[in-house]
Amino acid sequence: MDLLRQNNPQDDLQLDCKILYDIAVGVACGLEYLRIGCNTRILHFDIKSHNILLDDDFCPTISDFGLAKICPKKESIVSIFGARETPGYIALELFSRNFGEVSHKSDVYSYGMMVLEMVGQRKNIKVEVDCLSELYFPHWIYQRLELNQDLGLKCIKNDIYEEMVRKMTMVSLWCIQTNPSNRPAMHKVVGMLEGSLQVLEIPPKPFLSSPSVSSIHLSSEVL
């Protein structure tokens, strides 16, 4: 089954916070395995909810390697020509080398956007906050964390869930930092998720914008 379908608020079946947390950790471990566990490093370049499959026990599997790129383990920077990934999940360095170099940190960005979508149970590109205005969801939830406000998410039912969601949210905001060098590697993501919320710091505010579909005409990245 597909993660997004199971986490659609319009469906009768929604995943609770503990299952979402376990899925987030499982996907992070999977991405770290692709980076260091294989004979060659695999960059997925299309991490999103639709490409995370769940078995009957809700264990996640990363699927659809159609845009993946293989590179030697000793190399972390790759050459990219043309558009890759899905709008709403795509790292800014894939649009312009001015934002940094394309590497495994591009998958970290997409992972962060995906987990924000999971906890918000809504699309990352824009979210209706009230009947009069719209805000980009990562911007909206960053403001609430910064002000230590209630997150106001439907999936939160008790204090334990609140802590899990805050942890996933803060880790995700670290993952979507504009500069790739400021994003944690996936093994650090796993450690942050499995560690204490109290030791996590709210990250610097990233450049919170979602590139439009019409702007996907990427410059090339050099080794």
N, C-alpha and C. Protein backbone atom coordinates (compact mmCIF):
# COMPACT_ATOMS: atom_id res chain seq x y z
N MET A 1 0.83 -1.19 0.00
CA MET A 1 0.00 0.00 0.00
C MET A 1 0.87 1.24 0.00
N ASP A 2 0.34 2.32 -0.49
CA ASP A 2 1.08 3.56 -0.68
C ASP A 2 0.86 4.48 0.52
N LEU A 3 1.95 5.08 1.02
CA LEU A 3 1.90 5.89 2.24
C LEU A 3 0.92 7.04 2.13
N LEU A 4 0.92 7.75 1.01
CA LEU A 4 0.05 8.91 0.86
C LEU A 4 -1.41 8.50 0.92
N ARG A 5 -1.75 7.39 0.26
CA ARG A 5 -3.13 6.93 0.25
C ARG A 5 -3.59 6.59 1.66
N GLN A 6 -2.69 5.99 2.46
CA GLN A 6 -3.07 5.61 3.81
C GLN A 6 -3.11 6.81 4.76
N ASN A 7 -2.52 7.93 4.36
CA ASN A 7 -2.47 9.09 5.25
C ASN A 7 -3.32 10.24 4.73
N ASN A 8 -4.29 9.93 3.90
CA ASN A 8 -5.17 10.95 3.35
C ASN A 8 -6.30 11.23 4.34
N PRO A 9 -6.47 12.47 4.79
CA PRO A 9 -7.50 12.77 5.78
C PRO A 9 -8.90 12.42 5.31
N GLN A 10 -9.11 12.30 4.00
CA GLN A 10 -10.43 11.96 3.49
C GLN A 10 -10.71 10.48 3.60
N ASP A 11 -9.69 9.67 3.86
CA ASP A 11 -9.88 8.24 4.01
C ASP A 11 -10.31 7.90 5.44
N ASP A 12 -11.00 6.78 5.58
CA ASP A 12 -11.40 6.33 6.90
C ASP A 12 -10.20 5.89 7.73
N LEU A 13 -9.18 5.30 7.06
CA LEU A 13 -8.00 4.81 7.76
C LEU A 13 -6.89 5.85 7.70
N GLN A 14 -6.50 6.35 8.88
CA GLN A 14 -5.37 7.26 8.97
C GLN A 14 -4.35 6.65 9.93
N LEU A 15 -3.09 6.85 9.64
CA LEU A 15 -2.04 6.29 10.48
C LEU A 15 -1.83 7.17 11.71
N ASP A 16 -1.68 6.54 12.87
CA ASP A 16 -1.44 7.34 14.06
C ASP A 16 0.02 7.78 14.13
N CYS A 17 0.32 8.64 15.09
CA CYS A 17 1.65 9.26 15.16
C CYS A 17 2.77 8.25 15.36
N LYS A 18 2.52 7.22 16.15
CA LYS A 18 3.58 6.23 16.40
C LYS A 18 3.94 5.51 15.11
N ILE A 19 2.94 5.15 14.31
CA ILE A 19 3.22 4.48 13.04
C ILE A 19 3.94 5.44 12.10
N LEU A 20 3.51 6.69 12.05
CA LEU A 20 4.17 7.68 11.19
C LEU A 20 5.63 7.87 11.62
N TYR A 21 5.85 7.92 12.92
CA TYR A 21 7.21 8.06 13.45
C TYR A 21 8.07 6.87 13.04
N ASP A 22 7.55 5.66 13.19
CA ASP A 22 8.30 4.46 12.80
C ASP A 22 8.59 4.45 11.30
N ILE A 23 7.63 4.93 10.51
CA ILE A 23 7.85 5.00 9.06
C ILE A 23 8.96 6.01 8.75
N ALA A 24 8.93 7.16 9.42
CA ALA A 24 9.95 8.18 9.19
C ALA A 24 11.34 7.64 9.51
N VAL A 25 11.46 6.92 10.63
CA VAL A 25 12.75 6.32 11.00
C VAL A 25 13.14 5.26 9.97
N GLY A 26 12.19 4.43 9.56
CA GLY A 26 12.48 3.37 8.60
C GLY A 26 12.96 3.89 7.26
N VAL A 27 12.32 4.95 6.77
CA VAL A 27 12.74 5.54 5.49
C VAL A 27 14.13 6.16 5.63
N ALA A 28 14.39 6.82 6.75
CA ALA A 28 15.71 7.41 6.99
C ALA A 28 16.78 6.32 6.99
N CYS A 29 16.50 5.20 7.63
CA CYS A 29 17.46 4.08 7.64
C CYS A 29 17.65 3.53 6.23
N GLY A 30 16.57 3.47 5.46
CA GLY A 30 16.67 3.00 4.08
C GLY A 30 17.53 3.90 3.22
N LEU A 31 17.37 5.20 3.38
CA LEU A 31 18.18 6.15 2.61
C LEU A 31 19.64 6.09 3.02
N GLU A 32 19.89 5.88 4.31
CA GLU A 32 21.27 5.74 4.75
C GLU A 32 21.90 4.47 4.19
N TYR A 33 21.10 3.41 4.07
CA TYR A 33 21.61 2.16 3.48
C TYR A 33 21.97 2.38 2.01
N LEU A 34 21.13 3.13 1.29
CA LEU A 34 21.44 3.42 -0.11
C LEU A 34 22.73 4.22 -0.24
N ARG A 35 23.03 5.03 0.78
CA ARG A 35 24.22 5.88 0.73
C ARG A 35 25.48 5.12 1.09
N ILE A 36 25.43 4.24 2.10
CA ILE A 36 26.67 3.60 2.55
C ILE A 36 26.60 2.08 2.60
N GLY A 37 25.42 1.49 2.49
CA GLY A 37 25.29 0.06 2.67
C GLY A 37 25.48 -0.75 1.40
N CYS A 38 25.41 -0.09 0.25
CA CYS A 38 25.55 -0.79 -1.03
C CYS A 38 26.99 -0.68 -1.53
N ASN A 39 27.32 -1.48 -2.52
CA ASN A 39 28.66 -1.41 -3.10
C ASN A 39 28.92 -0.07 -3.76
N THR A 40 27.87 0.51 -4.32
CA THR A 40 27.96 1.85 -4.89
C THR A 40 26.92 2.73 -4.22
N ARG A 41 27.18 4.01 -4.16
CA ARG A 41 26.24 4.95 -3.53
C ARG A 41 25.08 5.20 -4.48
N ILE A 42 23.87 5.12 -3.97
CA ILE A 42 22.67 5.33 -4.79
C ILE A 42 21.95 6.58 -4.29
N LEU A 43 21.77 7.54 -5.19
CA LEU A 43 20.98 8.73 -4.90
C LEU A 43 19.61 8.54 -5.57
N HIS A 44 18.56 8.61 -4.81
CA HIS A 44 17.24 8.25 -5.32
C HIS A 44 16.64 9.33 -6.22
N PHE A 45 16.69 10.58 -5.79
CA PHE A 45 16.21 11.74 -6.52
C PHE A 45 14.70 11.79 -6.75
N ASP A 46 13.93 10.97 -6.05
CA ASP A 46 12.48 11.10 -6.17
C ASP A 46 11.80 10.59 -4.90
N ILE A 47 12.32 11.01 -3.75
CA ILE A 47 11.73 10.62 -2.48
C ILE A 47 10.45 11.44 -2.28
N LYS A 48 9.34 10.75 -2.15
CA LYS A 48 8.04 11.38 -1.90
C LYS A 48 7.10 10.30 -1.37
N SER A 49 5.95 10.72 -0.87
CA SER A 49 5.03 9.78 -0.24
C SER A 49 4.61 8.66 -1.17
N HIS A 50 4.36 8.97 -2.43
CA HIS A 50 3.90 7.95 -3.38
C HIS A 50 4.93 6.86 -3.62
N ASN A 51 6.20 7.16 -3.35
CA ASN A 51 7.27 6.18 -3.58
C ASN A 51 7.69 5.44 -2.31
N ILE A 52 6.89 5.56 -1.27
CA ILE A 52 7.11 4.78 -0.05
C ILE A 52 5.97 3.78 0.07
N LEU A 53 6.30 2.50 -0.05
CA LEU A 53 5.29 1.45 0.03
C LEU A 53 5.30 0.83 1.43
N LEU A 54 4.12 0.49 1.92
CA LEU A 54 3.98 -0.09 3.25
C LEU A 54 3.45 -1.51 3.15
N ASP A 55 4.02 -2.42 3.96
CA ASP A 55 3.49 -3.77 4.00
C ASP A 55 2.36 -3.85 5.02
N ASP A 56 1.88 -5.03 5.31
CA ASP A 56 0.75 -5.18 6.23
C ASP A 56 1.06 -4.72 7.64
N ASP A 57 2.35 -4.68 7.99
CA ASP A 57 2.77 -4.21 9.31
C ASP A 57 3.24 -2.77 9.28
N PHE A 58 2.99 -2.08 8.16
CA PHE A 58 3.36 -0.68 7.96
C PHE A 58 4.87 -0.46 7.95
N CYS A 59 5.62 -1.49 7.58
CA CYS A 59 7.07 -1.33 7.39
C CYS A 59 7.30 -0.71 6.01
N PRO A 60 8.08 0.38 5.93
CA PRO A 60 8.24 1.08 4.67
C PRO A 60 9.31 0.48 3.76
N THR A 61 9.08 0.58 2.46
CA THR A 61 10.06 0.21 1.44
C THR A 61 10.14 1.35 0.44
N ILE A 62 11.36 1.79 0.15
CA ILE A 62 11.56 2.83 -0.86
C ILE A 62 11.43 2.20 -2.24
N SER A 63 10.61 2.80 -3.10
CA SER A 63 10.36 2.24 -4.43
C SER A 63 10.64 3.27 -5.52
N ASP A 64 10.52 2.84 -6.76
CA ASP A 64 10.63 3.67 -7.97
C ASP A 64 12.00 4.36 -8.06
N PHE A 65 12.96 3.62 -8.62
CA PHE A 65 14.31 4.13 -8.77
C PHE A 65 14.56 4.65 -10.19
N GLY A 66 13.49 5.07 -10.85
CA GLY A 66 13.61 5.53 -12.24
C GLY A 66 14.49 6.74 -12.42
N LEU A 67 14.60 7.60 -11.40
CA LEU A 67 15.44 8.80 -11.49
C LEU A 67 16.74 8.67 -10.72
N ALA A 68 16.98 7.47 -10.17
CA ALA A 68 18.15 7.28 -9.31
C ALA A 68 19.45 7.41 -10.09
N LYS A 69 20.49 7.79 -9.37
CA LYS A 69 21.82 7.91 -9.98
C LYS A 69 22.81 7.17 -9.08
N ILE A 70 23.69 6.43 -9.71
CA ILE A 70 24.70 5.66 -9.00
C ILE A 70 26.05 6.37 -9.10
N CYS A 71 26.77 6.43 -8.00
CA CYS A 71 28.10 7.03 -8.05
C CYS A 71 29.01 6.26 -7.10
N PRO A 72 30.32 6.29 -7.32
CA PRO A 72 31.25 5.61 -6.42
C PRO A 72 31.13 6.13 -5.00
N LYS A 73 31.42 5.26 -4.04
CA LYS A 73 31.28 5.64 -2.63
C LYS A 73 32.14 6.84 -2.25
N LYS A 74 33.30 6.96 -2.88
CA LYS A 74 34.21 8.04 -2.49
C LYS A 74 33.73 9.40 -2.98
N GLU A 75 32.75 9.41 -3.88
CA GLU A 75 32.23 10.67 -4.40
C GLU A 75 30.91 11.00 -3.73
N SER A 76 30.70 12.27 -3.39
CA SER A 76 29.44 12.68 -2.80
C SER A 76 28.72 13.70 -3.66
N ILE A 77 29.41 14.25 -4.65
CA ILE A 77 28.81 15.26 -5.53
C ILE A 77 28.65 14.66 -6.92
N VAL A 78 27.50 14.90 -7.53
CA VAL A 78 27.22 14.29 -8.83
C VAL A 78 26.86 15.37 -9.85
N SER A 79 26.94 14.98 -11.12
CA SER A 79 26.53 15.86 -12.21
C SER A 79 25.08 15.57 -12.55
N ILE A 80 24.28 16.61 -12.67
CA ILE A 80 22.87 16.47 -13.03
C ILE A 80 22.59 17.38 -14.20
N PHE A 81 21.90 16.85 -15.21
CA PHE A 81 21.49 17.66 -16.35
C PHE A 81 19.99 17.49 -16.52
N GLY A 82 19.25 18.59 -16.44
CA GLY A 82 17.81 18.52 -16.62
C GLY A 82 17.07 18.33 -15.31
N ALA A 83 15.76 18.50 -15.38
CA ALA A 83 14.90 18.45 -14.20
C ALA A 83 14.81 17.05 -13.64
N ARG A 84 14.81 16.97 -12.32
CA ARG A 84 14.63 15.71 -11.63
C ARG A 84 13.72 15.97 -10.42
N GLU A 85 13.14 14.92 -9.93
CA GLU A 85 12.29 14.95 -8.73
C GLU A 85 10.95 15.62 -9.01
N THR A 86 10.13 15.64 -7.98
CA THR A 86 8.76 16.12 -8.07
C THR A 86 8.65 17.49 -7.42
N PRO A 87 8.02 18.47 -8.08
CA PRO A 87 7.83 19.78 -7.45
C PRO A 87 7.19 19.63 -6.08
N GLY A 88 7.68 20.42 -5.11
CA GLY A 88 7.22 20.29 -3.74
C GLY A 88 8.18 19.49 -2.88
N TYR A 89 9.01 18.67 -3.53
CA TYR A 89 10.00 17.85 -2.81
C TYR A 89 11.42 18.15 -3.28
N ILE A 90 11.57 18.97 -4.28
CA ILE A 90 12.84 19.12 -4.97
C ILE A 90 13.76 20.12 -4.26
N ALA A 91 15.01 19.75 -4.06
CA ALA A 91 15.99 20.61 -3.40
C ALA A 91 16.39 21.76 -4.31
N LEU A 92 16.66 22.92 -3.72
CA LEU A 92 16.93 24.12 -4.51
C LEU A 92 18.22 24.02 -5.31
N GLU A 93 19.19 23.23 -4.85
CA GLU A 93 20.44 23.11 -5.62
C GLU A 93 20.22 22.41 -6.95
N LEU A 94 19.09 21.72 -7.10
CA LEU A 94 18.77 21.11 -8.38
C LEU A 94 18.25 22.13 -9.38
N PHE A 95 17.93 23.32 -8.89
CA PHE A 95 17.51 24.41 -9.77
C PHE A 95 18.67 25.30 -10.15
N SER A 96 19.60 25.51 -9.23
CA SER A 96 20.71 26.42 -9.49
C SER A 96 21.90 26.03 -8.63
N ARG A 97 23.08 26.04 -9.22
CA ARG A 97 24.29 25.73 -8.47
C ARG A 97 24.59 26.80 -7.42
N ASN A 98 23.92 27.95 -7.49
CA ASN A 98 24.12 28.99 -6.50
C ASN A 98 23.69 28.55 -5.11
N PHE A 99 22.82 27.55 -5.03
CA PHE A 99 22.34 27.06 -3.75
C PHE A 99 23.24 25.97 -3.18
N GLY A 100 24.17 25.45 -3.98
CA GLY A 100 25.05 24.39 -3.50
C GLY A 100 25.18 23.29 -4.54
N GLU A 101 25.88 22.23 -4.16
CA GLU A 101 26.14 21.14 -5.09
C GLU A 101 25.16 19.99 -4.85
N VAL A 102 24.86 19.26 -5.92
CA VAL A 102 23.94 18.14 -5.83
C VAL A 102 24.67 16.94 -5.24
N SER A 103 24.09 16.35 -4.20
CA SER A 103 24.69 15.22 -3.51
C SER A 103 23.59 14.43 -2.82
N HIS A 104 23.99 13.53 -1.91
CA HIS A 104 22.99 12.80 -1.13
C HIS A 104 22.15 13.74 -0.28
N LYS A 105 22.64 14.96 -0.05
CA LYS A 105 21.87 15.91 0.72
C LYS A 105 20.60 16.37 -0.02
N SER A 106 20.56 16.14 -1.33
CA SER A 106 19.34 16.45 -2.09
C SER A 106 18.22 15.49 -1.71
N ASP A 107 18.57 14.22 -1.46
CA ASP A 107 17.58 13.27 -0.96
C ASP A 107 17.15 13.61 0.46
N VAL A 108 18.08 14.17 1.25
CA VAL A 108 17.74 14.59 2.62
C VAL A 108 16.65 15.66 2.57
N TYR A 109 16.78 16.60 1.64
CA TYR A 109 15.77 17.66 1.49
C TYR A 109 14.41 17.05 1.17
N SER A 110 14.38 16.16 0.18
CA SER A 110 13.11 15.55 -0.21
C SER A 110 12.50 14.76 0.93
N TYR A 111 13.35 14.07 1.68
CA TYR A 111 12.88 13.32 2.85
C TYR A 111 12.22 14.27 3.86
N GLY A 112 12.86 15.40 4.12
CA GLY A 112 12.30 16.36 5.06
C GLY A 112 10.94 16.87 4.63
N MET A 113 10.80 17.16 3.34
CA MET A 113 9.51 17.61 2.83
C MET A 113 8.46 16.53 2.95
N MET A 114 8.87 15.29 2.70
CA MET A 114 7.92 14.18 2.79
C MET A 114 7.43 13.99 4.22
N VAL A 115 8.34 14.07 5.19
CA VAL A 115 7.93 13.87 6.58
C VAL A 115 7.03 15.01 7.05
N LEU A 116 7.29 16.23 6.59
CA LEU A 116 6.38 17.34 6.91
C LEU A 116 4.99 17.06 6.35
N GLU A 117 4.93 16.50 5.17
CA GLU A 117 3.65 16.13 4.58
C GLU A 117 2.95 15.07 5.41
N MET A 118 3.73 14.12 5.92
CA MET A 118 3.17 13.05 6.74
C MET A 118 2.55 13.60 8.02
N VAL A 119 3.29 14.46 8.74
CA VAL A 119 2.77 14.94 10.01
C VAL A 119 1.63 15.94 9.81
N GLY A 120 1.67 16.68 8.70
CA GLY A 120 0.61 17.65 8.43
C GLY A 120 -0.60 17.03 7.78
N GLN A 121 -0.45 15.80 7.26
CA GLN A 121 -1.52 15.09 6.56
C GLN A 121 -2.11 15.97 5.47
N ARG A 122 -1.21 16.63 4.73
CA ARG A 122 -1.63 17.51 3.66
C ARG A 122 -0.43 17.75 2.75
N LYS A 123 -0.67 18.27 1.58
CA LYS A 123 0.40 18.55 0.63
C LYS A 123 1.30 19.65 1.14
N ASN A 124 2.58 19.54 0.82
CA ASN A 124 3.56 20.52 1.28
C ASN A 124 3.51 21.84 0.51
N ILE A 125 2.99 21.83 -0.70
CA ILE A 125 3.14 23.01 -1.54
C ILE A 125 2.39 24.20 -0.96
N LYS A 126 1.12 24.02 -0.63
CA LYS A 126 0.38 25.08 0.06
C LYS A 126 -0.68 24.43 0.94
N VAL A 127 -1.02 25.08 2.01
CA VAL A 127 -2.02 24.54 2.92
C VAL A 127 -2.98 25.65 3.29
N GLU A 128 -4.25 25.34 3.30
CA GLU A 128 -5.24 26.33 3.71
C GLU A 128 -5.21 26.44 5.22
N VAL A 129 -4.82 27.58 5.72
CA VAL A 129 -4.72 27.79 7.16
C VAL A 129 -6.05 28.25 7.73
N ASP A 130 -6.72 29.14 7.06
CA ASP A 130 -8.08 29.50 7.43
C ASP A 130 -8.85 29.82 6.16
N CYS A 131 -10.06 30.24 6.28
CA CYS A 131 -10.90 30.42 5.10
C CYS A 131 -10.51 31.65 4.30
N LEU A 132 -9.59 32.46 4.82
CA LEU A 132 -9.24 33.70 4.13
C LEU A 132 -7.84 33.72 3.55
N SER A 133 -6.96 32.84 4.01
CA SER A 133 -5.58 32.95 3.57
C SER A 133 -4.95 31.59 3.36
N GLU A 134 -3.85 31.57 2.62
CA GLU A 134 -3.07 30.36 2.41
C GLU A 134 -1.62 30.63 2.75
N LEU A 135 -0.98 29.68 3.38
CA LEU A 135 0.45 29.76 3.66
C LEU A 135 1.10 28.45 3.27
N TYR A 136 2.33 28.55 2.88
CA TYR A 136 3.14 27.38 2.59
C TYR A 136 3.31 26.60 3.89
N PHE A 137 2.99 25.30 3.90
CA PHE A 137 2.90 24.53 5.15
C PHE A 137 4.18 24.54 5.97
N PRO A 138 5.38 24.32 5.41
CA PRO A 138 6.59 24.40 6.26
C PRO A 138 6.75 25.76 6.93
N HIS A 139 6.33 26.83 6.26
CA HIS A 139 6.41 28.17 6.86
C HIS A 139 5.45 28.26 8.04
N TRP A 140 4.25 27.76 7.85
CA TRP A 140 3.22 27.79 8.88
C TRP A 140 3.66 27.03 10.13
N ILE A 141 4.19 25.83 9.93
CA ILE A 141 4.55 25.01 11.10
C ILE A 141 5.84 25.52 11.74
N TYR A 142 6.73 26.12 10.96
CA TYR A 142 7.94 26.72 11.54
C TYR A 142 7.55 27.85 12.49
N GLN A 143 6.61 28.69 12.08
CA GLN A 143 6.18 29.79 12.93
C GLN A 143 5.63 29.28 14.25
N ARG A 144 4.88 28.19 14.21
CA ARG A 144 4.30 27.64 15.43
C ARG A 144 5.39 27.07 16.36
N LEU A 145 6.38 26.42 15.78
CA LEU A 145 7.48 25.91 16.60
C LEU A 145 8.28 27.05 17.21
N GLU A 146 8.54 28.06 16.41
CA GLU A 146 9.35 29.19 16.86
C GLU A 146 8.68 29.91 18.03
N LEU A 147 7.36 30.00 17.99
CA LEU A 147 6.60 30.67 19.04
C LEU A 147 6.15 29.73 20.14
N ASN A 148 6.58 28.45 20.02
CA ASN A 148 6.20 27.41 20.98
C ASN A 148 4.68 27.29 21.13
N GLN A 149 4.00 27.41 20.01
CA GLN A 149 2.55 27.29 20.00
C GLN A 149 2.12 25.84 19.80
N ASP A 150 0.87 25.57 20.12
CA ASP A 150 0.29 24.27 19.83
C ASP A 150 0.32 24.07 18.32
N LEU A 151 0.70 22.86 17.89
CA LEU A 151 0.83 22.61 16.45
C LEU A 151 -0.51 22.51 15.76
N GLY A 152 -1.55 22.21 16.49
CA GLY A 152 -2.88 22.24 15.92
C GLY A 152 -3.11 21.24 14.80
N LEU A 153 -2.46 20.06 14.89
CA LEU A 153 -2.59 19.05 13.85
C LEU A 153 -3.55 17.96 14.29
N LYS A 154 -4.35 17.46 13.37
CA LYS A 154 -5.39 16.49 13.70
C LYS A 154 -4.83 15.16 14.22
N CYS A 155 -3.60 14.83 13.82
CA CYS A 155 -3.05 13.54 14.21
C CYS A 155 -2.60 13.50 15.67
N ILE A 156 -2.51 14.66 16.33
CA ILE A 156 -2.02 14.72 17.71
C ILE A 156 -3.19 14.50 18.67
N LYS A 157 -3.07 13.43 19.48
CA LYS A 157 -4.16 13.08 20.39
C LYS A 157 -3.75 13.11 21.85
N ASN A 158 -2.45 13.14 22.13
CA ASN A 158 -1.99 13.18 23.53
C ASN A 158 -0.58 13.75 23.56
N ASP A 159 -0.02 13.87 24.77
CA ASP A 159 1.30 14.49 24.93
C ASP A 159 2.41 13.68 24.25
N ILE A 160 2.28 12.37 24.27
CA ILE A 160 3.30 11.53 23.62
C ILE A 160 3.30 11.78 22.12
N TYR A 161 2.12 11.86 21.53
CA TYR A 161 2.04 12.15 20.10
C TYR A 161 2.57 13.55 19.80
N GLU A 162 2.27 14.50 20.68
CA GLU A 162 2.76 15.86 20.51
C GLU A 162 4.28 15.88 20.45
N GLU A 163 4.93 15.13 21.33
CA GLU A 163 6.39 15.09 21.34
C GLU A 163 6.93 14.45 20.07
N MET A 164 6.31 13.36 19.62
CA MET A 164 6.75 12.70 18.39
C MET A 164 6.65 13.64 17.20
N VAL A 165 5.53 14.35 17.10
CA VAL A 165 5.32 15.24 15.97
C VAL A 165 6.28 16.42 16.02
N ARG A 166 6.51 16.97 17.20
CA ARG A 166 7.47 18.07 17.31
C ARG A 166 8.88 17.61 16.89
N LYS A 167 9.23 16.40 17.30
CA LYS A 167 10.54 15.87 16.93
C LYS A 167 10.64 15.68 15.42
N MET A 168 9.64 15.05 14.81
CA MET A 168 9.66 14.86 13.36
C MET A 168 9.67 16.19 12.62
N THR A 169 8.94 17.16 13.16
CA THR A 169 8.88 18.47 12.51
C THR A 169 10.21 19.19 12.57
N MET A 170 10.86 19.21 13.74
CA MET A 170 12.14 19.90 13.86
C MET A 170 13.21 19.22 13.00
N VAL A 171 13.23 17.89 13.00
CA VAL A 171 14.19 17.18 12.16
C VAL A 171 13.94 17.49 10.69
N SER A 172 12.68 17.53 10.30
CA SER A 172 12.35 17.83 8.90
C SER A 172 12.80 19.23 8.51
N LEU A 173 12.63 20.19 9.41
CA LEU A 173 13.06 21.56 9.11
C LEU A 173 14.57 21.67 9.00
N TRP A 174 15.31 20.84 9.74
CA TRP A 174 16.76 20.77 9.54
C TRP A 174 17.05 20.19 8.15
N CYS A 175 16.27 19.20 7.74
CA CYS A 175 16.51 18.54 6.46
C CYS A 175 16.27 19.45 5.26
N ILE A 176 15.39 20.45 5.41
CA ILE A 176 15.07 21.30 4.26
C ILE A 176 15.81 22.63 4.31
N GLN A 177 16.92 22.67 5.04
CA GLN A 177 17.75 23.88 5.03
C GLN A 177 18.19 24.20 3.61
N THR A 178 18.24 25.47 3.28
CA THR A 178 18.57 25.90 1.92
C THR A 178 19.95 25.43 1.49
N ASN A 179 20.93 25.63 2.34
CA ASN A 179 22.30 25.22 2.02
C ASN A 179 22.46 23.73 2.32
N PRO A 180 22.81 22.91 1.33
CA PRO A 180 22.95 21.46 1.57
C PRO A 180 23.89 21.13 2.72
N SER A 181 24.94 21.93 2.92
CA SER A 181 25.90 21.64 3.98
C SER A 181 25.29 21.78 5.37
N ASN A 182 24.18 22.49 5.48
CA ASN A 182 23.51 22.66 6.77
C ASN A 182 22.51 21.55 7.08
N ARG A 183 22.26 20.68 6.10
CA ARG A 183 21.34 19.57 6.32
C ARG A 183 22.08 18.40 6.97
N PRO A 184 21.46 17.70 7.89
CA PRO A 184 22.12 16.54 8.51
C PRO A 184 22.20 15.37 7.54
N ALA A 185 23.24 14.56 7.66
CA ALA A 185 23.29 13.30 6.92
C ALA A 185 22.23 12.37 7.50
N MET A 186 21.87 11.33 6.73
CA MET A 186 20.75 10.49 7.15
C MET A 186 21.03 9.75 8.45
N HIS A 187 22.28 9.36 8.72
CA HIS A 187 22.54 8.69 9.99
C HIS A 187 22.31 9.64 11.16
N LYS A 188 22.55 10.93 10.95
CA LYS A 188 22.27 11.92 11.99
C LYS A 188 20.77 12.14 12.14
N VAL A 189 20.06 12.06 11.02
CA VAL A 189 18.60 12.17 11.07
C VAL A 189 18.02 11.06 11.94
N VAL A 190 18.51 9.83 11.72
CA VAL A 190 18.05 8.70 12.53
C VAL A 190 18.34 8.95 14.01
N GLY A 191 19.55 9.42 14.31
CA GLY A 191 19.92 9.70 15.68
C GLY A 191 19.06 10.79 16.31
N MET A 192 18.74 11.82 15.53
CA MET A 192 17.89 12.90 16.03
C MET A 192 16.48 12.40 16.31
N LEU A 193 15.96 11.57 15.41
CA LEU A 193 14.61 11.04 15.60
C LEU A 193 14.53 10.11 16.81
N GLU A 194 15.57 9.33 17.01
CA GLU A 194 15.56 8.36 18.11
C GLU A 194 16.03 8.96 19.42
N GLY A 195 16.57 10.17 19.38
CA GLY A 195 17.06 10.82 20.59
C GLY A 195 15.99 11.62 21.30
N SER A 196 16.41 12.46 22.21
CA SER A 196 15.50 13.25 23.03
C SER A 196 15.10 14.54 22.33
N LEU A 197 13.82 14.88 22.46
CA LEU A 197 13.33 16.15 21.90
C LEU A 197 14.03 17.33 22.57
N GLN A 198 14.35 17.20 23.84
CA GLN A 198 14.91 18.32 24.60
C GLN A 198 16.27 18.77 24.09
N VAL A 199 17.01 17.89 23.43
CA VAL A 199 18.34 18.28 22.95
C VAL A 199 18.29 18.84 21.53
N LEU A 200 17.14 18.79 20.89
CA LEU A 200 17.01 19.32 19.53
C LEU A 200 16.82 20.82 19.56
N GLU A 201 17.53 21.51 18.71
CA GLU A 201 17.37 22.95 18.57
C GLU A 201 16.53 23.25 17.35
N ILE A 202 15.73 24.30 17.43
CA ILE A 202 14.99 24.73 16.25
C ILE A 202 16.00 25.23 15.23
N PRO A 203 15.94 24.75 13.99
CA PRO A 203 16.94 25.13 13.00
C PRO A 203 16.77 26.57 12.55
N PRO A 204 17.78 27.13 11.89
CA PRO A 204 17.59 28.44 11.26
C PRO A 204 16.43 28.37 10.27
N LYS A 205 15.78 29.47 10.10
CA LYS A 205 14.65 29.49 9.17
C LYS A 205 15.17 29.31 7.75
N PRO A 206 14.74 28.24 7.08
CA PRO A 206 15.21 28.02 5.71
C PRO A 206 14.51 28.96 4.74
N PHE A 207 14.98 28.96 3.51
CA PHE A 207 14.33 29.74 2.45
C PHE A 207 13.06 28.99 2.10
N LEU A 208 11.96 29.36 2.75
CA LEU A 208 10.75 28.57 2.66
C LEU A 208 9.92 28.98 1.46
N SER A 209 10.18 28.32 0.35
CA SER A 209 9.37 28.54 -0.84
C SER A 209 9.38 27.27 -1.64
N SER A 210 8.35 27.08 -2.42
CA SER A 210 8.25 25.88 -3.24
C SER A 210 8.32 26.28 -4.70
N PRO A 211 9.36 25.87 -5.43
CA PRO A 211 9.48 26.25 -6.83
C PRO A 211 8.26 25.81 -7.63
N SER A 212 7.82 26.69 -8.51
CA SER A 212 6.66 26.36 -9.33
C SER A 212 7.02 25.36 -10.41
N VAL A 213 6.03 24.66 -10.90
CA VAL A 213 6.26 23.68 -11.95
C VAL A 213 6.85 24.34 -13.17
N SER A 214 6.40 25.56 -13.48
CA SER A 214 6.87 26.24 -14.69
C SER A 214 8.33 26.62 -14.61
N SER A 215 8.91 26.65 -13.40
CA SER A 215 10.31 27.06 -13.25
C SER A 215 11.29 25.90 -13.32
N ILE A 216 10.81 24.70 -13.60
CA ILE A 216 11.71 23.55 -13.60
C ILE A 216 12.47 23.46 -14.92
N HIS A 217 13.46 24.29 -15.03
CA HIS A 217 14.40 24.23 -16.15
C HIS A 217 15.78 24.40 -15.50
N LEU A 218 16.35 23.30 -15.09
CA LEU A 218 17.50 23.34 -14.21
C LEU A 218 18.80 23.59 -14.97
N SER A 219 19.70 24.28 -14.28
CA SER A 219 21.06 24.37 -14.79
C SER A 219 21.80 23.09 -14.46
N SER A 220 22.90 22.84 -15.16
CA SER A 220 23.69 21.62 -14.89
C SER A 220 24.52 21.83 -13.65
N GLU A 221 24.85 20.71 -12.99
CA GLU A 221 25.73 20.72 -11.83
C GLU A 221 27.02 20.03 -12.21
N VAL A 222 28.14 20.56 -11.74
CA VAL A 222 29.44 20.01 -12.11
C VAL A 222 30.01 19.19 -10.98
N LEU A 223 30.88 18.25 -11.31
CA LEU A 223 31.54 17.43 -10.28
C LEU A 223 32.47 18.31 -9.45
